[in-house]
C-alpha atoms as a PDB file:
ATOM      1  CA  UNK A   1      85.663  32.616-138.090  1.00  0.00           C
ATOM      2  CA  UNK A   2      85.662  33.065-141.875  1.00  0.00           C
ATOM      3  CA  UNK A   3      89.093  31.444-142.145  1.00  0.00           C
ATOM      4  CA  UNK A   4      87.910  28.420-140.148  1.00  0.00           C
ATOM      5  CA  UNK A   5      84.763  28.038-142.266  1.00  0.00           C
ATOM      6  CA  UNK A   6      86.752  28.324-145.489  1.00  0.00           C
ATOM      7  CA  UNK A   7      89.225  25.719-144.232  1.00  0.00           C
ATOM      8  CA  UNK A   8      86.395  23.246-143.606  1.00  0.00           C
ATOM      9  CA  UNK A   9      84.698  24.008-146.922  1.00  0.00           C
ATOM     10  CA  UNK A  10      87.968  23.574-148.819  1.00  0.00           C
ATOM     11  CA  UNK A  11      88.520  20.215-147.128  1.00  0.00           C
ATOM     12  CA  UNK A  12      85.013  18.990-148.010  1.00  0.00           C
ATOM     13  CA  UNK A  13      85.251  20.154-151.616  1.00  0.00           C
ATOM     14  CA  UNK A  14      88.639  18.514-152.091  1.00  0.00           C
ATOM     15  CA  UNK A  15      87.680  15.326-150.250  1.00  0.00           C
ATOM     16  CA  UNK A  16      84.269  14.746-151.824  1.00  0.00           C
ATOM     17  CA  UNK A  17      84.430  16.423-155.264  1.00  0.00           C
ATOM     18  CA  UNK A  18      80.674  16.763-154.695  1.00  0.00           C
ATOM     19  CA  UNK A  19      78.359  19.773-155.039  1.00  0.00           C
ATOM     20  CA  UNK A  20      75.200  19.308-152.943  1.00  0.00           C
ATOM     21  CA  UNK A  21      72.045  21.320-153.592  1.00  0.00           C
ATOM     22  CA  UNK A  22      70.144  20.471-150.416  1.00  0.00           C
ATOM     23  CA  UNK A  23      71.216  20.012-146.795  1.00  0.00           C
ATOM     24  CA  UNK A  24      69.370  17.798-144.314  1.00  0.00           C
ATOM     25  CA  UNK A  25      69.752  17.673-140.523  1.00  0.00           C
ATOM     26  CA  UNK A  26      68.525  14.459-138.899  1.00  0.00           C
ATOM     27  CA  UNK A  27      67.461  14.627-135.266  1.00  0.00           C
ATOM     28  CA  UNK A  28      67.141  12.173-132.376  1.00  0.00           C
ATOM     29  CA  UNK A  29      66.119   8.716-133.560  1.00  0.00           C
ATOM     30  CA  UNK A  30      65.881   9.859-137.183  1.00  0.00           C
ATOM     31  CA  UNK A  31      69.334   8.921-138.460  1.00  0.00           C
ATOM     32  CA  UNK A  32      67.996   5.920-140.379  1.00  0.00           C
ATOM     33  CA  UNK A  33      66.685   8.273-143.058  1.00  0.00           C
ATOM     34  CA  UNK A  34      70.148   7.949-144.598  1.00  0.00           C
ATOM     35  CA  UNK A  35      69.102   4.453-145.701  1.00  0.00           C
ATOM     36  CA  UNK A  36      67.010   6.178-148.378  1.00  0.00           C
ATOM     37  CA  UNK A  37      69.993   8.195-149.607  1.00  0.00           C
ATOM     38  CA  UNK A  38      72.105   6.795-152.423  1.00  0.00           C
ATOM     39  CA  UNK A  39      75.375   7.424-150.617  1.00  0.00           C
ATOM     40  CA  UNK A  40      78.346   8.788-152.512  1.00  0.00           C
ATOM     41  CA  UNK A  41      80.598   9.379-149.491  1.00  0.00           C
ATOM     42  CA  UNK A  42      80.339   9.355-145.709  1.00  0.00           C
ATOM     43  CA  UNK A  43      82.656  11.236-143.330  1.00  0.00           C
ATOM     44  CA  UNK A  44      82.875  11.014-139.552  1.00  0.00           C
ATOM     45  CA  UNK A  45      82.597  14.411-137.893  1.00  0.00           C
ATOM     46  CA  UNK A  46      85.842  13.668-136.074  1.00  0.00           C
ATOM     47  CA  UNK A  47      87.642  13.534-139.430  1.00  0.00           C
ATOM     48  CA  UNK A  48      86.371  16.932-140.627  1.00  0.00           C
ATOM     49  CA  UNK A  49      88.522  19.937-139.674  1.00  0.00           C
ATOM     50  CA  UNK A  50      86.883  22.235-137.094  1.00  0.00           C
ATOM     51  CA  UNK A  51      83.678  20.147-136.867  1.00  0.00           C
ATOM     52  CA  UNK A  52      82.269  19.427-133.403  1.00  0.00           C
ATOM     53  CA  UNK A  53      81.481  15.808-132.500  1.00  0.00           C
ATOM     54  CA  UNK A  54      77.997  14.543-131.603  1.00  0.00           C
ATOM     55  CA  UNK A  55      77.669  13.216-128.051  1.00  0.00           C
ATOM     56  CA  UNK A  56      73.865  12.971-127.817  1.00  0.00           C
ATOM     57  CA  UNK A  57      72.167   9.542-127.862  1.00  0.00           C
ATOM     58  CA  UNK A  58      70.792   8.638-131.282  1.00  0.00           C
ATOM     59  CA  UNK A  59      73.151  10.961-133.142  1.00  0.00           C
ATOM     60  CA  UNK A  60      75.650   8.993-135.229  1.00  0.00           C
ATOM     61  CA  UNK A  61      78.024  11.840-136.045  1.00  0.00           C
ATOM     62  CA  UNK A  62      78.403  11.383-139.795  1.00  0.00           C
ATOM     63  CA  UNK A  63      78.207  13.778-142.724  1.00  0.00           C
ATOM     64  CA  UNK A  64      76.624  11.964-145.659  1.00  0.00           C
ATOM     65  CA  UNK A  65      76.939  13.007-149.300  1.00  0.00           C
ATOM     66  CA  UNK A  66      74.649  11.409-151.856  1.00  0.00           C
ATOM     67  CA  UNK A  67      71.426  11.558-153.823  1.00  0.00           C
ATOM     68  CA  UNK A  68      67.855  11.698-152.527  1.00  0.00           C
ATOM     69  CA  UNK A  69      64.810  12.355-154.661  1.00  0.00           C
ATOM     70  CA  UNK A  70      67.053  12.900-157.647  1.00  0.00           C
ATOM     71  CA  UNK A  71      68.877  15.789-155.949  1.00  0.00           C
ATOM     72  CA  UNK A  72      72.393  15.950-154.564  1.00  0.00           C
ATOM     73  CA  UNK A  73      72.273  16.245-150.790  1.00  0.00           C
ATOM     74  CA  UNK A  74      74.512  16.514-147.764  1.00  0.00           C
ATOM     75  CA  UNK A  75      72.956  15.089-144.606  1.00  0.00           C
ATOM     76  CA  UNK A  76      74.020  15.506-141.011  1.00  0.00           C
ATOM     77  CA  UNK A  77      73.365  12.197-139.260  1.00  0.00           C
ATOM     78  CA  UNK A  78      73.326  13.861-135.864  1.00  0.00           C
ATOM     79  CA  UNK A  79      73.511  17.476-134.747  1.00  0.00           C
ATOM     80  CA  UNK A  80      74.992  19.542-131.904  1.00  0.00           C
ATOM     81  CA  UNK A  81      73.125  20.891-128.878  1.00  0.00           C
ATOM     82  CA  UNK A  82      73.708  23.635-126.330  1.00  0.00           C
ATOM     83  CA  UNK A  83      73.316  21.104-123.496  1.00  0.00           C
ATOM     84  CA  UNK A  84      76.340  19.190-124.776  1.00  0.00           C
ATOM     85  CA  UNK A  85      78.476  22.154-123.736  1.00  0.00           C
ATOM     86  CA  UNK A  86      78.958  23.568-127.212  1.00  0.00           C
ATOM     87  CA  UNK A  87      78.794  27.294-127.829  1.00  0.00           C
ATOM     88  CA  UNK A  88      76.138  28.686-130.127  1.00  0.00           C
ATOM     89  CA  UNK A  89      78.838  29.407-132.699  1.00  0.00           C
ATOM     90  CA  UNK A  90      79.846  25.738-132.680  1.00  0.00           C
ATOM     91  CA  UNK A  91      76.211  24.651-132.982  1.00  0.00           C
ATOM     92  CA  UNK A  92      75.602  26.750-136.098  1.00  0.00           C
ATOM     93  CA  UNK A  93      79.051  26.139-137.592  1.00  0.00           C
ATOM     94  CA  UNK A  94      77.724  23.405-139.949  1.00  0.00           C
ATOM     95  CA  UNK A  95      75.037  25.828-141.194  1.00  0.00           C
ATOM     96  CA  UNK A  96      77.707  28.391-142.078  1.00  0.00           C
ATOM     97  CA  UNK A  97      79.627  25.657-143.876  1.00  0.00           C
ATOM     98  CA  UNK A  98      76.480  24.649-145.796  1.00  0.00           C
ATOM     99  CA  UNK A  99      76.009  28.211-147.023  1.00  0.00           C
ATOM    100  CA  UNK A 100      79.613  28.443-148.184  1.00  0.00           C
ATOM    101  CA  UNK A 101      79.076  25.073-149.900  1.00  0.00           C
ATOM    102  CA  UNK A 102      76.326  26.839-151.921  1.00  0.00           C
ATOM    103  CA  UNK A 103      73.422  24.902-150.400  1.00  0.00           C
ATOM    104  CA  UNK A 104      70.095  26.159-151.765  1.00  0.00           C
ATOM    105  CA  UNK A 105      67.677  24.627-149.231  1.00  0.00           C
ATOM    106  CA  UNK A 106      67.814  23.335-145.655  1.00  0.00           C
ATOM    107  CA  UNK A 107      65.560  20.524-144.381  1.00  0.00           C
ATOM    108  CA  UNK A 108      65.486  19.883-140.637  1.00  0.00           C
ATOM    109  CA  UNK A 109      63.969  17.156-138.475  1.00  0.00           C
ATOM    110  CA  UNK A 110      63.687  16.761-134.726  1.00  0.00           C
ATOM    111  CA  UNK A 111      61.952  14.821-131.984  1.00  0.00           C
ATOM    112  CA  UNK A 112      59.825  16.956-129.685  1.00  0.00           C
ATOM    113  CA  UNK A 113      57.283  16.938-126.901  1.00  0.00           C
ATOM    114  CA  UNK A 114      53.779  18.071-127.822  1.00  0.00           C
ATOM    115  CA  UNK A 115      51.764  20.550-125.745  1.00  0.00           C
ATOM    116  CA  UNK A 116      48.895  20.942-128.192  1.00  0.00           C
ATOM    117  CA  UNK A 117      45.955  18.855-126.883  1.00  0.00           C
ATOM    118  CA  UNK A 118      45.081  17.865-130.466  1.00  0.00           C
ATOM    119  CA  UNK A 119      48.424  16.085-130.887  1.00  0.00           C
ATOM    120  CA  UNK A 120      49.096  12.378-130.508  1.00  0.00           C
ATOM    121  CA  UNK A 121      52.392  10.540-130.045  1.00  0.00           C
ATOM    122  CA  UNK A 122      53.789   9.811-133.501  1.00  0.00           C
ATOM    123  CA  UNK A 123      52.241  12.859-135.168  1.00  0.00           C
ATOM    124  CA  UNK A 124      54.291  14.879-137.631  1.00  0.00           C
ATOM    125  CA  UNK A 125      54.257  18.621-137.002  1.00  0.00           C
ATOM    126  CA  UNK A 126      55.360  20.897-139.803  1.00  0.00           C
ATOM    127  CA  UNK A 127      56.923  23.933-138.172  1.00  0.00           C
ATOM    128  CA  UNK A 128      55.392  27.265-139.134  1.00  0.00           C
ATOM    129  CA  UNK A 129      57.091  29.380-136.473  1.00  0.00           C
ATOM    130  CA  UNK A 130      59.291  29.142-133.394  1.00  0.00           C
ATOM    131  CA  UNK A 131      59.906  30.713-129.998  1.00  0.00           C
ATOM    132  CA  UNK A 132      63.569  30.943-129.059  1.00  0.00           C
ATOM    133  CA  UNK A 133      64.364  30.369-125.378  1.00  0.00           C
ATOM    134  CA  UNK A 134      68.011  29.573-126.144  1.00  0.00           C
ATOM    135  CA  UNK A 135      70.837  32.137-126.399  1.00  0.00           C
ATOM    136  CA  UNK A 136      70.594  33.789-129.802  1.00  0.00           C
ATOM    137  CA  UNK A 137      73.297  32.336-132.094  1.00  0.00           C
ATOM    138  CA  UNK A 138      73.876  35.716-133.777  1.00  0.00           C
ATOM    139  CA  UNK A 139      75.191  37.332-130.584  1.00  0.00           C
ATOM    140  CA  UNK A 140      78.820  38.354-131.017  1.00  0.00           C
ATOM    141  CA  UNK A 141      80.962  39.774-133.786  1.00  0.00           C
ATOM    142  CA  UNK A 142      79.028  40.378-136.990  1.00  0.00           C
ATOM    143  CA  UNK A 143      80.335  39.230-140.360  1.00  0.00           C
ATOM    144  CA  UNK A 144      78.578  40.888-143.347  1.00  0.00           C
ATOM    145  CA  UNK A 145      79.266  37.698-145.323  1.00  0.00           C
ATOM    146  CA  UNK A 146      76.597  35.972-143.208  1.00  0.00           C
ATOM    147  CA  UNK A 147      73.843  38.481-143.982  1.00  0.00           C
ATOM    148  CA  UNK A 148      72.073  41.237-142.051  1.00  0.00           C
ATOM    149  CA  UNK A 149      73.043  42.099-138.504  1.00  0.00           C
ATOM    150  CA  UNK A 150      69.344  42.293-137.586  1.00  0.00           C
ATOM    151  CA  UNK A 151      67.617  39.726-139.827  1.00  0.00           C
ATOM    152  CA  UNK A 152      63.835  39.849-140.067  1.00  0.00           C
ATOM    153  CA  UNK A 153      62.324  36.599-138.763  1.00  0.00           C
ATOM    154  CA  UNK A 154      58.692  37.108-139.782  1.00  0.00           C
ATOM    155  CA  UNK A 155      58.928  34.188-142.220  1.00  0.00           C
ATOM    156  CA  UNK A 156      61.546  31.834-140.822  1.00  0.00           C
ATOM    157  CA  UNK A 157      59.976  28.750-142.431  1.00  0.00           C
ATOM    158  CA  UNK A 158      59.409  28.830-146.187  1.00  0.00           C
ATOM    159  CA  UNK A 159      55.682  29.087-146.926  1.00  0.00           C
ATOM    160  CA  UNK A 160      55.943  27.559-150.395  1.00  0.00           C
ATOM    161  CA  UNK A 161      57.765  24.486-149.069  1.00  0.00           C
ATOM    162  CA  UNK A 162      55.113  24.150-146.362  1.00  0.00           C
ATOM    163  CA  UNK A 163      52.322  24.385-148.955  1.00  0.00           C
ATOM    164  CA  UNK A 164      53.934  21.690-151.101  1.00  0.00           C
ATOM    165  CA  UNK A 165      54.542  19.442-148.086  1.00  0.00           C
ATOM    166  CA  UNK A 166      50.899  19.664-147.033  1.00  0.00           C
ATOM    167  CA  UNK A 167      49.838  18.667-150.536  1.00  0.00           C
ATOM    168  CA  UNK A 168      52.246  15.701-150.536  1.00  0.00           C
ATOM    169  CA  UNK A 169      50.922  14.575-147.135  1.00  0.00           C
ATOM    170  CA  UNK A 170      47.320  14.792-148.356  1.00  0.00           C
ATOM    171  CA  UNK A 171      48.076  12.851-151.536  1.00  0.00           C
ATOM    172  CA  UNK A 172      49.757  10.100-149.522  1.00  0.00           C
ATOM    173  CA  UNK A 173      47.149  10.004-146.732  1.00  0.00           C
ATOM    174  CA  UNK A 174      49.649  11.086-144.080  1.00  0.00           C
ATOM    175  CA  UNK A 175      48.271  12.946-141.086  1.00  0.00           C
ATOM    176  CA  UNK A 176      50.256  16.108-140.386  1.00  0.00           C
ATOM    177  CA  UNK A 177      49.919  18.900-137.872  1.00  0.00           C
ATOM    178  CA  UNK A 178      51.228  22.444-138.108  1.00  0.00           C
ATOM    179  CA  UNK A 179      52.538  24.493-135.239  1.00  0.00           C
ATOM    180  CA  UNK A 180      55.068  26.535-133.329  1.00  0.00           C
ATOM    181  CA  UNK A 181      58.226  24.923-131.922  1.00  0.00           C
ATOM    182  CA  UNK A 182      59.699  26.178-128.650  1.00  0.00           C
ATOM    183  CA  UNK A 183      63.490  25.844-128.477  1.00  0.00           C
ATOM    184  CA  UNK A 184      64.902  25.251-124.965  1.00  0.00           C
ATOM    185  CA  UNK A 185      68.317  24.374-123.570  1.00  0.00           C
ATOM    186  CA  UNK A 186      67.645  20.953-122.021  1.00  0.00           C
ATOM    187  CA  UNK A 187      68.958  18.459-121.118  1.00  0.00           C
ATOM    188  CA  UNK A 188      66.140  17.961-118.602  1.00  0.00           C
ATOM    189  CA  UNK A 189      62.788  17.011-120.041  1.00  0.00           C
ATOM    190  CA  UNK A 190      59.978  19.362-119.124  1.00  0.00           C
ATOM    191  CA  UNK A 191      58.027  19.589-115.886  1.00  0.00           C
ATOM    192  CA  UNK A 192      54.214  19.719-116.141  1.00  0.00           C
ATOM    193  CA  UNK A 193      54.252  23.437-115.360  1.00  0.00           C
ATOM    194  CA  UNK A 194      56.939  24.087-117.963  1.00  0.00           C
ATOM    195  CA  UNK A 195      54.767  22.347-120.546  1.00  0.00           C
ATOM    196  CA  UNK A 196      51.859  24.509-119.419  1.00  0.00           C
ATOM    197  CA  UNK A 197      53.970  27.669-119.688  1.00  0.00           C
ATOM    198  CA  UNK A 198      55.203  26.808-123.183  1.00  0.00           C
ATOM    199  CA  UNK A 199      51.608  26.228-124.275  1.00  0.00           C
ATOM    200  CA  UNK A 200      50.445  29.527-122.768  1.00  0.00           C
ATOM    201  CA  UNK A 201      53.110  31.521-124.634  1.00  0.00           C
ATOM    202  CA  UNK A 202      52.058  30.000-127.959  1.00  0.00           C
ATOM    203  CA  UNK A 203      53.988  26.767-128.363  1.00  0.00           C
ATOM    204  CA  UNK A 204      52.680  23.542-129.833  1.00  0.00           C
ATOM    205  CA  UNK A 205      55.831  21.458-129.372  1.00  0.00           C
ATOM    206  CA  UNK A 206      59.096  21.808-127.477  1.00  0.00           C
ATOM    207  CA  UNK A 207      62.621  20.570-128.126  1.00  0.00           C
ATOM    208  CA  UNK A 208      66.317  21.262-127.646  1.00  0.00           C
ATOM    209  CA  UNK A 209      67.479  22.038-131.181  1.00  0.00           C
ATOM    210  CA  UNK A 210      66.478  23.406-134.590  1.00  0.00           C
ATOM    211  CA  UNK A 211      65.907  27.060-133.667  1.00  0.00           C
ATOM    212  CA  UNK A 212      69.592  28.151-133.721  1.00  0.00           C
ATOM    213  CA  UNK A 213      70.044  26.332-137.030  1.00  0.00           C
ATOM    214  CA  UNK A 214      67.037  28.054-138.578  1.00  0.00           C
ATOM    215  CA  UNK A 215      68.106  31.484-137.304  1.00  0.00           C
ATOM    216  CA  UNK A 216      71.577  31.091-138.847  1.00  0.00           C
ATOM    217  CA  UNK A 217      70.213  29.703-142.121  1.00  0.00           C
ATOM    218  CA  UNK A 218      67.561  32.402-142.398  1.00  0.00           C
ATOM    219  CA  UNK A 219      70.147  35.124-141.825  1.00  0.00           C
ATOM    220  CA  UNK A 220      72.099  33.740-144.795  1.00  0.00           C
ATOM    221  CA  UNK A 221      69.065  33.495-147.042  1.00  0.00           C
ATOM    222  CA  UNK A 222      68.645  29.706-147.044  1.00  0.00           C
ATOM    223  CA  UNK A 223      64.964  28.644-147.264  1.00  0.00           C
ATOM    224  CA  UNK A 224      64.121  26.298-144.368  1.00  0.00           C
ATOM    225  CA  UNK A 225      61.633  23.458-143.924  1.00  0.00           C
ATOM    226  CA  UNK A 226      61.359  21.704-140.551  1.00  0.00           C
ATOM    227  CA  UNK A 227      59.379  18.743-139.246  1.00  0.00           C
ATOM    228  CA  UNK A 228      58.958  17.665-135.632  1.00  0.00           C
ATOM    229  CA  UNK A 229      57.964  14.145-134.700  1.00  0.00           C
ATOM    230  CA  UNK A 230      55.885  14.246-131.529  1.00  0.00           C
ATOM    231  CA  UNK A 231      57.477  11.621-129.293  1.00  0.00           C
ATOM    232  CA  UNK A 232      55.794  12.431-125.969  1.00  0.00           C
ATOM    233  CA  UNK A 233      52.955  14.585-124.688  1.00  0.00           C
ATOM    234  CA  UNK A 234      52.983  17.499-122.289  1.00  0.00           C
ATOM    235  CA  UNK A 235      49.207  17.750-122.109  1.00  0.00           C
ATOM    236  CA  UNK A 236      47.550  17.853-118.650  1.00  0.00           C
ATOM    237  CA  UNK A 237      46.262  14.418-117.727  1.00  0.00           C
ATOM    238  CA  UNK A 238      48.391  12.706-120.403  1.00  0.00           C
ATOM    239  CA  UNK A 239      51.886  13.342-119.043  1.00  0.00           C
ATOM    240  CA  UNK A 240      53.864  10.211-118.190  1.00  0.00           C
ATOM    241  CA  UNK A 241      57.486   9.559-117.288  1.00  0.00           C
ATOM    242  CA  UNK A 242      59.601   9.463-120.464  1.00  0.00           C
ATOM    243  CA  UNK A 243      63.138   8.233-121.150  1.00  0.00           C
ATOM    244  CA  UNK A 244      65.467   9.066-124.020  1.00  0.00           C
ATOM    245  CA  UNK A 245      64.940   5.499-125.266  1.00  0.00           C
ATOM    246  CA  UNK A 246      61.183   6.151-125.424  1.00  0.00           C
ATOM    247  CA  UNK A 247      61.800   9.284-127.483  1.00  0.00           C
ATOM    248  CA  UNK A 248      64.103   7.445-129.894  1.00  0.00           C
ATOM    249  CA  UNK A 249      61.617   4.598-130.342  1.00  0.00           C
ATOM    250  CA  UNK A 250      58.688   6.931-131.039  1.00  0.00           C
ATOM    251  CA  UNK A 251      60.755   8.980-133.487  1.00  0.00           C
ATOM    252  CA  UNK A 252      61.924   5.904-135.388  1.00  0.00           C
ATOM    253  CA  UNK A 253      58.348   4.613-135.712  1.00  0.00           C
ATOM    254  CA  UNK A 254      57.183   7.755-137.522  1.00  0.00           C
ATOM    255  CA  UNK A 255      60.386   8.418-139.452  1.00  0.00           C
ATOM    256  CA  UNK A 256      59.221   6.643-142.668  1.00  0.00           C
ATOM    257  CA  UNK A 257      56.300   9.073-143.032  1.00  0.00           C
ATOM    258  CA  UNK A 258      58.610  12.042-142.545  1.00  0.00           C
ATOM    259  CA  UNK A 259      61.113  10.576-145.018  1.00  0.00           C
ATOM    260  CA  UNK A 260      58.436  10.143-147.678  1.00  0.00           C
ATOM    261  CA  UNK A 261      57.330  13.767-147.389  1.00  0.00           C
ATOM    262  CA  UNK A 262      60.871  15.106-147.420  1.00  0.00           C
ATOM    263  CA  UNK A 263      61.996  12.930-150.323  1.00  0.00           C
ATOM    264  CA  UNK A 264      59.033  13.937-152.500  1.00  0.00           C
ATOM    265  CA  UNK A 265      59.471  17.564-151.501  1.00  0.00           C
ATOM    266  CA  UNK A 266      63.162  17.487-152.390  1.00  0.00           C
ATOM    267  CA  UNK A 267      62.506  15.746-155.691  1.00  0.00           C
ATOM    268  CA  UNK A 268      60.150  18.562-156.673  1.00  0.00           C
ATOM    269  CA  UNK A 269      62.594  21.381-156.026  1.00  0.00           C
END
């Protein structure tokens, strides 16, 4: 594993001659955030040694290097999911690469369904916690280079970044929610009773990503900040049939607000 990671890192360093400070993962329908990045170089995942390839709708499959908010960033325009048939080790492989690239912060976005009755479609939810219903990505052989075998997860999402983001949202009159994200396998969208169950166990929103990435990053000591865009509702009496196209459209509509918060947050690092 370490040899494979080092091979990919060596390729990226040689190819880009670029040292990013911040990594960004862009979820379903949110790839257009790269339009705000002053791009230095863009690489297709297929051209990067050992990198998986995105197959999910709305995920462009490009690794972007450039500047955002005055900071050097690397942005994944598309991520990898368990439902695509990838192993957990493949899903978190880019996170391992980021760490070995000396990334200092990780910013994550996703589209999710909201179970909290106070949520509306288009809301931004800053993640304060998660519930993992996916296989744990740390199962398997342990490498001390990645951090503790049994990492504490009591503060998976950086409280100082959350505090700053809330202040930025208030100053720019952007409505934001806070809550717990439930990570599930997909690819089916949730039944009404599944939504009810996720709400009962403490979830505010549900999606098919993010949690493995945060677990891997947290193990390696990378501070994480994550935002969910609520693209559909799993609230009794408000559940309607939803397509992937609906999710992408709702995510794209709220993406500018998310981009503003992230860009200002990154610029203040």
